[in-house]
Amino acid sequence: MKKLTTQEMGRMSVEAYREADKLPLTVVLDNIRSQHNVGAVFRTADAMRIEQVVLCGICCCPPNQEIHKTALGAEESVDWQYFQDTQEAVRVLKSQGYQVYAVEQAHDSVTLEEAAEQIIKCPKTAVIFGHEVFGVQQQVVDLCDGCIEIPQYGTKHSMNVSVTAGIVMYRLSEALRGIKN
């Protein structure tokens, strides 16, 4: 086996990416303090070709060198917007026809697999990822249509927010593309 070269991968330009069809999936970051986590989410959003990233509260916004270190330019290809208040972002998304889900451990949450089955029925979906320590604000959870939870089997019952976002974006993008697990 031989690794592919960059040319063999057929990467599209930023311009081509901006023109390409995107999945009807939006990622909302609720007060993510680490600029590296923000950058990692941008990079995964680019890889999955999702619609946009919404940055809220204390999230740092591009252009930013620390975001760029992990985004590697994805902050230039992925559409993004900023809201000071995550609750306002949720209200705007809902007014635009989005089903909004917090990715959070909560009573009556659905597993990621169940969410993947439900998401294909939604014309547009937004998923919210919360602060590295405190998670998604309860006031934001209260505005959501539901909560998605990744089953965990170890002792910690938590994962890094950018890892969680990567898992969720990957699985939901598969569902939206009609790929079965």
N, C-alpha and C. Protein backbone atom coordinates (compact mmCIF):
# COMPACT_ATOMS: atom_id res chain seq x y z
N MET A 1 0.84 -1.17 0.00
CA MET A 1 0.00 0.00 0.00
C MET A 1 0.89 1.24 0.00
N LYS A 2 0.49 2.24 -0.79
CA LYS A 2 1.24 3.48 -0.86
C LYS A 2 0.29 4.65 -0.58
N LYS A 3 0.75 5.56 0.26
CA LYS A 3 -0.07 6.72 0.59
C LYS A 3 -0.34 7.56 -0.65
N LEU A 4 -1.52 8.17 -0.69
CA LEU A 4 -1.87 9.07 -1.78
C LEU A 4 -1.10 10.38 -1.68
N THR A 5 -0.77 10.94 -2.81
CA THR A 5 -0.18 12.27 -2.82
C THR A 5 -1.32 13.29 -2.75
N THR A 6 -0.98 14.52 -2.46
CA THR A 6 -1.99 15.58 -2.41
C THR A 6 -2.71 15.70 -3.75
N GLN A 7 -2.00 15.57 -4.84
CA GLN A 7 -2.61 15.64 -6.17
C GLN A 7 -3.58 14.48 -6.40
N GLU A 8 -3.22 13.29 -5.95
CA GLU A 8 -4.09 12.13 -6.12
C GLU A 8 -5.37 12.22 -5.30
N MET A 9 -5.35 12.99 -4.22
CA MET A 9 -6.53 13.13 -3.38
C MET A 9 -7.62 13.97 -4.05
N GLY A 10 -7.26 14.75 -5.03
CA GLY A 10 -8.25 15.54 -5.75
C GLY A 10 -8.92 16.60 -4.90
N ARG A 11 -8.18 17.23 -4.04
CA ARG A 11 -8.75 18.27 -3.17
C ARG A 11 -9.27 19.43 -4.00
N MET A 12 -10.40 19.95 -3.57
CA MET A 12 -10.96 21.10 -4.28
C MET A 12 -10.39 22.39 -3.71
N SER A 13 -10.42 23.41 -4.52
CA SER A 13 -9.98 24.72 -4.07
C SER A 13 -11.01 25.32 -3.13
N VAL A 14 -10.62 26.36 -2.41
CA VAL A 14 -11.56 27.06 -1.54
C VAL A 14 -12.72 27.59 -2.36
N GLU A 15 -12.43 28.11 -3.52
CA GLU A 15 -13.48 28.65 -4.39
C GLU A 15 -14.46 27.55 -4.81
N ALA A 16 -13.93 26.40 -5.21
CA ALA A 16 -14.81 25.28 -5.61
C ALA A 16 -15.62 24.78 -4.41
N TYR A 17 -15.00 24.75 -3.25
CA TYR A 17 -15.69 24.32 -2.03
C TYR A 17 -16.86 25.25 -1.75
N ARG A 18 -16.62 26.54 -1.84
CA ARG A 18 -17.68 27.52 -1.55
C ARG A 18 -18.87 27.35 -2.49
N GLU A 19 -18.63 26.92 -3.72
CA GLU A 19 -19.69 26.73 -4.71
C GLU A 19 -20.36 25.36 -4.60
N ALA A 20 -19.72 24.41 -3.96
CA ALA A 20 -20.23 23.03 -3.89
C ALA A 20 -21.46 22.95 -2.99
N ASP A 21 -22.32 21.97 -3.27
CA ASP A 21 -23.47 21.72 -2.41
C ASP A 21 -22.99 21.30 -1.02
N LYS A 22 -23.70 21.76 0.00
CA LYS A 22 -23.37 21.43 1.38
C LYS A 22 -24.50 20.61 1.98
N LEU A 23 -24.18 19.87 3.01
CA LEU A 23 -25.21 19.15 3.75
C LEU A 23 -26.01 20.14 4.58
N PRO A 24 -27.30 19.89 4.76
CA PRO A 24 -28.15 20.79 5.55
C PRO A 24 -27.93 20.60 7.06
N LEU A 25 -26.68 20.78 7.47
CA LEU A 25 -26.27 20.57 8.85
C LEU A 25 -25.44 21.76 9.30
N THR A 26 -25.83 22.36 10.41
CA THR A 26 -25.12 23.49 10.98
C THR A 26 -24.60 23.10 12.35
N VAL A 27 -23.38 23.51 12.66
CA VAL A 27 -22.77 23.28 13.97
C VAL A 27 -22.76 24.60 14.72
N VAL A 28 -23.25 24.56 15.96
CA VAL A 28 -23.26 25.74 16.84
C VAL A 28 -22.31 25.46 18.00
N LEU A 29 -21.40 26.38 18.25
CA LEU A 29 -20.47 26.26 19.37
C LEU A 29 -20.88 27.24 20.45
N ASP A 30 -21.27 26.71 21.59
CA ASP A 30 -21.77 27.49 22.72
C ASP A 30 -20.64 27.72 23.73
N ASN A 31 -20.01 28.87 23.61
CA ASN A 31 -18.97 29.28 24.57
C ASN A 31 -17.78 28.32 24.66
N ILE A 32 -17.26 27.92 23.52
CA ILE A 32 -16.07 27.07 23.49
C ILE A 32 -14.86 27.98 23.75
N ARG A 33 -14.13 27.68 24.80
CA ARG A 33 -13.04 28.58 25.20
C ARG A 33 -11.74 28.33 24.44
N SER A 34 -11.50 27.10 24.00
CA SER A 34 -10.24 26.77 23.34
C SER A 34 -10.29 27.10 21.85
N GLN A 35 -9.39 27.95 21.45
CA GLN A 35 -9.29 28.30 20.04
C GLN A 35 -8.89 27.10 19.19
N HIS A 36 -8.13 26.18 19.77
CA HIS A 36 -7.76 24.96 19.05
C HIS A 36 -8.98 24.07 18.81
N ASN A 37 -9.88 23.99 19.79
CA ASN A 37 -11.12 23.24 19.59
C ASN A 37 -11.97 23.87 18.50
N VAL A 38 -12.05 25.19 18.49
CA VAL A 38 -12.80 25.88 17.44
C VAL A 38 -12.20 25.56 16.07
N GLY A 39 -10.89 25.63 15.98
CA GLY A 39 -10.22 25.32 14.71
C GLY A 39 -10.44 23.89 14.27
N ALA A 40 -10.41 22.95 15.21
CA ALA A 40 -10.64 21.54 14.88
C ALA A 40 -12.05 21.33 14.35
N VAL A 41 -13.02 22.04 14.92
CA VAL A 41 -14.40 21.92 14.43
C VAL A 41 -14.49 22.46 13.01
N PHE A 42 -13.85 23.57 12.73
CA PHE A 42 -13.85 24.09 11.36
C PHE A 42 -13.26 23.07 10.38
N ARG A 43 -12.17 22.45 10.77
CA ARG A 43 -11.51 21.48 9.89
C ARG A 43 -12.40 20.28 9.60
N THR A 44 -13.08 19.76 10.62
CA THR A 44 -13.99 18.65 10.42
C THR A 44 -15.22 19.08 9.63
N ALA A 45 -15.71 20.28 9.88
CA ALA A 45 -16.85 20.80 9.13
C ALA A 45 -16.52 20.87 7.65
N ASP A 46 -15.32 21.29 7.32
CA ASP A 46 -14.87 21.32 5.93
C ASP A 46 -14.84 19.90 5.36
N ALA A 47 -14.26 18.98 6.10
CA ALA A 47 -14.13 17.60 5.62
C ALA A 47 -15.49 16.96 5.34
N MET A 48 -16.48 17.28 6.16
CA MET A 48 -17.82 16.69 6.01
C MET A 48 -18.71 17.53 5.08
N ARG A 49 -18.21 18.68 4.68
CA ARG A 49 -18.91 19.64 3.81
C ARG A 49 -20.27 20.04 4.39
N ILE A 50 -20.23 20.46 5.66
CA ILE A 50 -21.46 20.92 6.28
C ILE A 50 -21.71 22.39 5.93
N GLU A 51 -22.91 22.81 6.19
CA GLU A 51 -23.39 24.12 5.78
C GLU A 51 -22.65 25.30 6.43
N GLN A 52 -22.54 25.28 7.76
CA GLN A 52 -21.93 26.42 8.43
C GLN A 52 -21.60 26.09 9.88
N VAL A 53 -20.75 26.94 10.46
CA VAL A 53 -20.44 26.91 11.88
C VAL A 53 -20.93 28.23 12.47
N VAL A 54 -21.64 28.14 13.59
CA VAL A 54 -22.11 29.32 14.30
C VAL A 54 -21.35 29.41 15.61
N LEU A 55 -20.62 30.48 15.78
CA LEU A 55 -19.82 30.71 16.98
C LEU A 55 -20.59 31.62 17.92
N CYS A 56 -20.61 31.26 19.21
CA CYS A 56 -21.40 32.03 20.18
C CYS A 56 -20.61 32.33 21.44
N GLY A 57 -20.94 33.46 22.05
CA GLY A 57 -20.40 33.81 23.35
C GLY A 57 -18.90 34.04 23.32
N ILE A 58 -18.17 33.30 24.16
CA ILE A 58 -16.73 33.52 24.30
C ILE A 58 -15.90 32.87 23.20
N CYS A 59 -16.55 32.21 22.24
CA CYS A 59 -15.80 31.61 21.13
C CYS A 59 -15.00 32.69 20.40
N CYS A 60 -13.79 32.38 20.12
CA CYS A 60 -12.95 33.27 19.31
C CYS A 60 -13.37 33.10 17.85
N CYS A 61 -13.25 34.15 17.07
CA CYS A 61 -13.65 34.12 15.66
C CYS A 61 -12.44 34.29 14.74
N PRO A 62 -12.51 33.74 13.54
CA PRO A 62 -11.48 34.01 12.55
C PRO A 62 -11.52 35.48 12.14
N PRO A 63 -10.46 36.02 11.63
CA PRO A 63 -9.14 35.39 11.51
C PRO A 63 -8.43 35.36 12.86
N ASN A 64 -7.80 34.24 13.14
CA ASN A 64 -7.12 34.07 14.41
C ASN A 64 -6.05 32.99 14.21
N GLN A 65 -4.83 33.30 14.59
CA GLN A 65 -3.71 32.39 14.37
C GLN A 65 -3.88 31.06 15.10
N GLU A 66 -4.43 31.09 16.31
CA GLU A 66 -4.62 29.86 17.08
C GLU A 66 -5.70 28.97 16.45
N ILE A 67 -6.76 29.56 15.94
CA ILE A 67 -7.77 28.79 15.20
C ILE A 67 -7.13 28.20 13.96
N HIS A 68 -6.35 29.00 13.26
CA HIS A 68 -5.73 28.55 12.01
C HIS A 68 -4.79 27.35 12.22
N LYS A 69 -4.15 27.27 13.39
CA LYS A 69 -3.23 26.16 13.66
C LYS A 69 -3.91 24.80 13.52
N THR A 70 -5.17 24.70 13.94
CA THR A 70 -5.86 23.42 13.82
C THR A 70 -6.82 23.39 12.64
N ALA A 71 -7.32 24.53 12.22
CA ALA A 71 -8.25 24.56 11.08
C ALA A 71 -7.51 24.39 9.76
N LEU A 72 -6.26 24.80 9.71
CA LEU A 72 -5.44 24.70 8.50
C LEU A 72 -6.11 25.31 7.27
N GLY A 73 -6.80 26.42 7.45
CA GLY A 73 -7.44 27.12 6.34
C GLY A 73 -8.92 26.83 6.20
N ALA A 74 -9.44 25.86 6.93
CA ALA A 74 -10.87 25.54 6.82
C ALA A 74 -11.73 26.71 7.28
N GLU A 75 -11.19 27.57 8.11
CA GLU A 75 -11.93 28.74 8.54
C GLU A 75 -12.18 29.71 7.38
N GLU A 76 -11.46 29.51 6.28
CA GLU A 76 -11.66 30.32 5.08
C GLU A 76 -12.65 29.68 4.10
N SER A 77 -12.85 28.38 4.21
CA SER A 77 -13.76 27.69 3.28
C SER A 77 -15.16 27.51 3.86
N VAL A 78 -15.26 27.27 5.15
CA VAL A 78 -16.55 27.01 5.80
C VAL A 78 -17.21 28.33 6.17
N ASP A 79 -18.46 28.48 5.78
CA ASP A 79 -19.22 29.66 6.19
C ASP A 79 -19.38 29.67 7.70
N TRP A 80 -19.35 30.85 8.27
CA TRP A 80 -19.54 30.97 9.71
C TRP A 80 -20.18 32.31 10.03
N GLN A 81 -20.78 32.35 11.20
CA GLN A 81 -21.32 33.60 11.72
C GLN A 81 -21.18 33.60 13.23
N TYR A 82 -21.32 34.77 13.82
CA TYR A 82 -21.13 34.92 15.26
C TYR A 82 -22.37 35.54 15.89
N PHE A 83 -22.75 35.00 17.06
CA PHE A 83 -23.80 35.56 17.91
C PHE A 83 -23.22 35.73 19.30
N GLN A 84 -23.45 36.85 19.92
CA GLN A 84 -23.02 37.06 21.30
C GLN A 84 -23.75 36.09 22.23
N ASP A 85 -25.02 35.82 21.92
CA ASP A 85 -25.87 35.01 22.79
C ASP A 85 -26.33 33.75 22.05
N THR A 86 -26.03 32.59 22.62
CA THR A 86 -26.39 31.32 21.98
C THR A 86 -27.91 31.16 21.88
N GLN A 87 -28.64 31.64 22.87
CA GLN A 87 -30.10 31.54 22.82
C GLN A 87 -30.64 32.29 21.60
N GLU A 88 -30.08 33.44 21.30
CA GLU A 88 -30.50 34.19 20.13
C GLU A 88 -30.18 33.41 18.85
N ALA A 89 -29.01 32.78 18.81
CA ALA A 89 -28.64 31.96 17.64
C ALA A 89 -29.66 30.85 17.43
N VAL A 90 -30.07 30.18 18.51
CA VAL A 90 -31.06 29.11 18.41
C VAL A 90 -32.39 29.66 17.90
N ARG A 91 -32.81 30.78 18.43
CA ARG A 91 -34.08 31.38 17.98
C ARG A 91 -34.03 31.71 16.48
N VAL A 92 -32.91 32.26 16.03
CA VAL A 92 -32.77 32.59 14.61
C VAL A 92 -32.79 31.32 13.76
N LEU A 93 -32.05 30.31 14.16
CA LEU A 93 -32.03 29.05 13.40
C LEU A 93 -33.43 28.43 13.34
N LYS A 94 -34.14 28.42 14.46
CA LYS A 94 -35.49 27.85 14.46
C LYS A 94 -36.43 28.66 13.56
N SER A 95 -36.27 29.97 13.54
CA SER A 95 -37.11 30.80 12.66
C SER A 95 -36.81 30.55 11.19
N GLN A 96 -35.63 29.99 10.92
CA GLN A 96 -35.24 29.64 9.55
C GLN A 96 -35.57 28.18 9.20
N GLY A 97 -36.29 27.50 10.09
CA GLY A 97 -36.75 26.15 9.80
C GLY A 97 -35.84 25.02 10.27
N TYR A 98 -34.86 25.31 11.10
CA TYR A 98 -33.96 24.28 11.59
C TYR A 98 -34.58 23.52 12.76
N GLN A 99 -34.31 22.22 12.82
CA GLN A 99 -34.51 21.42 14.02
C GLN A 99 -33.19 21.56 14.77
N VAL A 100 -33.23 21.89 16.05
CA VAL A 100 -32.01 22.18 16.80
C VAL A 100 -31.86 21.18 17.94
N TYR A 101 -30.68 20.57 18.00
CA TYR A 101 -30.39 19.56 19.02
C TYR A 101 -29.12 19.93 19.76
N ALA A 102 -29.17 19.82 21.08
CA ALA A 102 -27.97 19.96 21.90
C ALA A 102 -27.30 18.59 21.96
N VAL A 103 -25.99 18.57 21.87
CA VAL A 103 -25.26 17.33 22.09
C VAL A 103 -24.86 17.37 23.55
N GLU A 104 -25.63 16.63 24.34
CA GLU A 104 -25.53 16.76 25.80
C GLU A 104 -26.10 15.52 26.46
N GLN A 105 -25.54 15.17 27.60
CA GLN A 105 -26.09 14.10 28.41
C GLN A 105 -27.28 14.68 29.18
N ALA A 106 -28.46 14.15 28.89
CA ALA A 106 -29.68 14.73 29.46
C ALA A 106 -30.74 13.65 29.60
N HIS A 107 -31.71 13.91 30.47
CA HIS A 107 -32.86 13.03 30.56
C HIS A 107 -33.56 13.05 29.20
N ASP A 108 -34.00 11.89 28.75
CA ASP A 108 -34.74 11.75 27.49
C ASP A 108 -33.92 12.07 26.25
N SER A 109 -32.58 12.06 26.35
CA SER A 109 -31.76 12.26 25.15
C SER A 109 -31.90 11.02 24.26
N VAL A 110 -31.59 11.18 22.99
CA VAL A 110 -31.54 10.04 22.06
C VAL A 110 -30.09 9.75 21.76
N THR A 111 -29.81 8.51 21.44
CA THR A 111 -28.44 8.15 21.08
C THR A 111 -28.11 8.76 19.72
N LEU A 112 -26.84 8.87 19.45
CA LEU A 112 -26.40 9.39 18.15
C LEU A 112 -26.97 8.55 17.01
N GLU A 113 -27.05 7.26 17.22
CA GLU A 113 -27.60 6.38 16.18
C GLU A 113 -29.08 6.68 15.93
N GLU A 114 -29.84 6.88 17.01
CA GLU A 114 -31.25 7.25 16.86
C GLU A 114 -31.39 8.60 16.17
N ALA A 115 -30.52 9.53 16.52
CA ALA A 115 -30.54 10.86 15.90
C ALA A 115 -30.24 10.76 14.41
N ALA A 116 -29.32 9.89 14.05
CA ALA A 116 -28.98 9.72 12.63
C ALA A 116 -30.18 9.23 11.84
N GLU A 117 -31.02 8.39 12.45
CA GLU A 117 -32.23 7.92 11.78
C GLU A 117 -33.27 9.02 11.67
N GLN A 118 -33.33 9.91 12.66
CA GLN A 118 -34.32 10.99 12.67
C GLN A 118 -33.93 12.15 11.76
N ILE A 119 -32.65 12.41 11.65
CA ILE A 119 -32.18 13.61 10.96
C ILE A 119 -32.53 13.61 9.47
N ILE A 120 -32.64 12.45 8.88
CA ILE A 120 -32.94 12.41 7.45
C ILE A 120 -34.35 12.90 7.15
N LYS A 121 -35.19 13.01 8.18
CA LYS A 121 -36.55 13.52 8.01
C LYS A 121 -36.61 15.04 8.17
N CYS A 122 -35.51 15.66 8.61
CA CYS A 122 -35.48 17.10 8.86
C CYS A 122 -34.90 17.82 7.64
N PRO A 123 -35.54 18.89 7.19
CA PRO A 123 -34.98 19.62 6.05
C PRO A 123 -33.65 20.31 6.40
N LYS A 124 -33.53 20.79 7.64
CA LYS A 124 -32.30 21.45 8.10
C LYS A 124 -32.13 21.15 9.58
N THR A 125 -30.89 20.83 9.96
CA THR A 125 -30.61 20.47 11.34
C THR A 125 -29.42 21.26 11.85
N ALA A 126 -29.49 21.66 13.11
CA ALA A 126 -28.37 22.28 13.80
C ALA A 126 -28.06 21.47 15.05
N VAL A 127 -26.77 21.29 15.33
CA VAL A 127 -26.34 20.60 16.53
C VAL A 127 -25.44 21.54 17.33
N ILE A 128 -25.69 21.59 18.64
CA ILE A 128 -24.98 22.52 19.51
C ILE A 128 -24.01 21.75 20.40
N PHE A 129 -22.78 22.24 20.45
CA PHE A 129 -21.74 21.68 21.31
C PHE A 129 -21.36 22.74 22.33
N GLY A 130 -21.20 22.33 23.60
CA GLY A 130 -21.02 23.29 24.67
C GLY A 130 -19.62 23.41 25.23
N HIS A 131 -19.50 24.31 26.13
CA HIS A 131 -18.29 24.66 26.86
C HIS A 131 -17.57 23.39 27.34
N GLU A 132 -16.24 23.44 27.31
CA GLU A 132 -15.43 22.27 27.64
C GLU A 132 -15.68 21.72 29.04
N VAL A 133 -16.06 22.54 29.99
CA VAL A 133 -16.30 22.08 31.35
C VAL A 133 -17.79 21.98 31.66
N PHE A 134 -18.56 22.98 31.25
CA PHE A 134 -19.96 23.09 31.67
C PHE A 134 -20.97 22.57 30.64
N GLY A 135 -20.52 22.28 29.43
CA GLY A 135 -21.42 21.78 28.40
C GLY A 135 -22.31 22.87 27.84
N VAL A 136 -23.41 22.45 27.22
CA VAL A 136 -24.39 23.38 26.65
C VAL A 136 -25.18 23.98 27.80
N GLN A 137 -25.33 25.30 27.78
CA GLN A 137 -26.08 25.99 28.84
C GLN A 137 -27.50 25.42 28.94
N GLN A 138 -28.00 25.26 30.16
CA GLN A 138 -29.34 24.73 30.36
C GLN A 138 -30.39 25.58 29.65
N GLN A 139 -30.22 26.91 29.65
CA GLN A 139 -31.18 27.79 28.98
C GLN A 139 -31.22 27.51 27.48
N VAL A 140 -30.08 27.08 26.94
CA VAL A 140 -30.01 26.73 25.51
C VAL A 140 -30.66 25.37 25.30
N VAL A 141 -30.36 24.41 26.17
CA VAL A 141 -30.98 23.08 26.09
C VAL A 141 -32.50 23.23 26.11
N ASP A 142 -33.00 24.13 26.95
CA ASP A 142 -34.45 24.34 27.07
C ASP A 142 -35.09 24.78 25.75
N LEU A 143 -34.34 25.42 24.88
CA LEU A 143 -34.86 25.89 23.59
C LEU A 143 -34.77 24.84 22.48
N CYS A 144 -34.05 23.77 22.75
CA CYS A 144 -33.77 22.77 21.71
C CYS A 144 -34.95 21.81 21.50
N ASP A 145 -34.95 21.18 20.34
CA ASP A 145 -35.95 20.18 20.01
C ASP A 145 -35.64 18.82 20.64
N GLY A 146 -34.43 18.67 21.15
CA GLY A 146 -34.01 17.44 21.79
C GLY A 146 -32.53 17.45 22.07
N CYS A 147 -32.06 16.37 22.67
CA CYS A 147 -30.64 16.20 22.97
C CYS A 147 -30.14 14.90 22.36
N ILE A 148 -28.93 14.96 21.86
CA ILE A 148 -28.25 13.80 21.29
C ILE A 148 -27.12 13.43 22.24
N GLU A 149 -26.99 12.15 22.49
CA GLU A 149 -25.94 11.68 23.39
C GLU A 149 -25.15 10.56 22.72
N ILE A 150 -23.84 10.62 22.87
CA ILE A 150 -22.98 9.54 22.39
C ILE A 150 -22.83 8.56 23.55
N PRO A 151 -23.27 7.31 23.38
CA PRO A 151 -23.07 6.33 24.45
C PRO A 151 -21.58 6.20 24.79
N GLN A 152 -21.28 6.15 26.07
CA GLN A 152 -19.90 6.02 26.53
C GLN A 152 -19.82 4.91 27.56
N TYR A 153 -18.72 4.17 27.55
CA TYR A 153 -18.64 2.96 28.34
C TYR A 153 -17.48 2.93 29.33
N GLY A 154 -16.75 4.03 29.44
CA GLY A 154 -15.61 4.09 30.35
C GLY A 154 -15.97 4.75 31.66
N THR A 155 -14.98 5.27 32.33
CA THR A 155 -15.18 5.89 33.64
C THR A 155 -15.41 7.39 33.55
N LYS A 156 -15.05 8.04 32.47
CA LYS A 156 -15.08 9.50 32.40
C LYS A 156 -16.42 10.08 31.98
N HIS A 157 -17.11 9.44 31.10
CA HIS A 157 -18.40 9.92 30.58
C HIS A 157 -18.32 11.35 30.06
N SER A 158 -17.19 11.64 29.45
CA SER A 158 -17.04 12.91 28.75
C SER A 158 -15.91 12.75 27.74
N MET A 159 -15.99 13.55 26.68
CA MET A 159 -14.94 13.57 25.67
C MET A 159 -14.63 15.02 25.32
N ASN A 160 -13.47 15.23 24.74
CA ASN A 160 -13.12 16.56 24.27
C ASN A 160 -14.18 17.03 23.29
N VAL A 161 -14.53 18.30 23.34
CA VAL A 161 -15.63 18.83 22.52
C VAL A 161 -15.33 18.69 21.03
N SER A 162 -14.08 18.85 20.61
CA SER A 162 -13.80 18.73 19.18
C SER A 162 -13.87 17.27 18.74
N VAL A 163 -13.53 16.34 19.62
CA VAL A 163 -13.67 14.92 19.31
C VAL A 163 -15.16 14.57 19.19
N THR A 164 -15.94 15.04 20.16
CA THR A 164 -17.39 14.81 20.12
C THR A 164 -17.99 15.38 18.85
N ALA A 165 -17.61 16.60 18.51
CA ALA A 165 -18.13 17.24 17.30
C ALA A 165 -17.75 16.42 16.06
N GLY A 166 -16.54 15.91 16.04
CA GLY A 166 -16.11 15.10 14.89
C GLY A 166 -16.93 13.83 14.74
N ILE A 167 -17.17 13.16 15.85
CA ILE A 167 -17.98 11.94 15.81
C ILE A 167 -19.39 12.25 15.34
N VAL A 168 -19.99 13.28 15.90
CA VAL A 168 -21.37 13.63 15.55
C VAL A 168 -21.46 14.10 14.10
N MET A 169 -20.56 14.97 13.67
CA MET A 169 -20.61 15.44 12.28
C MET A 169 -20.44 14.28 11.30
N TYR A 170 -19.53 13.38 11.60
CA TYR A 170 -19.30 12.24 10.71
C TYR A 170 -20.55 11.37 10.61
N ARG A 171 -21.11 10.98 11.74
CA ARG A 171 -22.26 10.07 11.70
C ARG A 171 -23.48 10.73 11.07
N LEU A 172 -23.75 12.00 11.42
CA LEU A 172 -24.90 12.66 10.82
C LEU A 172 -24.69 12.93 9.34
N SER A 173 -23.47 13.20 8.94
CA SER A 173 -23.22 13.41 7.51
C SER A 173 -23.42 12.10 6.74
N GLU A 174 -23.04 10.99 7.33
CA GLU A 174 -23.33 9.69 6.69
C GLU A 174 -24.82 9.49 6.50
N ALA A 175 -25.59 9.80 7.53
CA ALA A 175 -27.05 9.65 7.44
C ALA A 175 -27.61 10.54 6.35
N LEU A 176 -27.15 11.78 6.30
CA LEU A 176 -27.65 12.71 5.29
C LEU A 176 -27.24 12.32 3.87
N ARG A 177 -26.15 11.62 3.75
CA ARG A 177 -25.71 11.12 2.43
C ARG A 177 -26.34 9.77 2.10
N GLY A 178 -27.11 9.21 3.04
CA GLY A 178 -27.77 7.93 2.80
C GLY A 178 -26.86 6.74 2.97
N ILE A 179 -25.78 6.90 3.73
CA ILE A 179 -24.85 5.80 3.97
C ILE A 179 -25.28 5.06 5.22
N LYS A 180 -25.44 3.77 5.10
CA LYS A 180 -25.84 2.94 6.25
C LYS A 180 -24.62 2.46 6.99
N ASN A 181 -24.74 2.36 8.30
CA ASN A 181 -23.65 1.80 9.11
C ASN A 181 -23.69 0.29 9.08
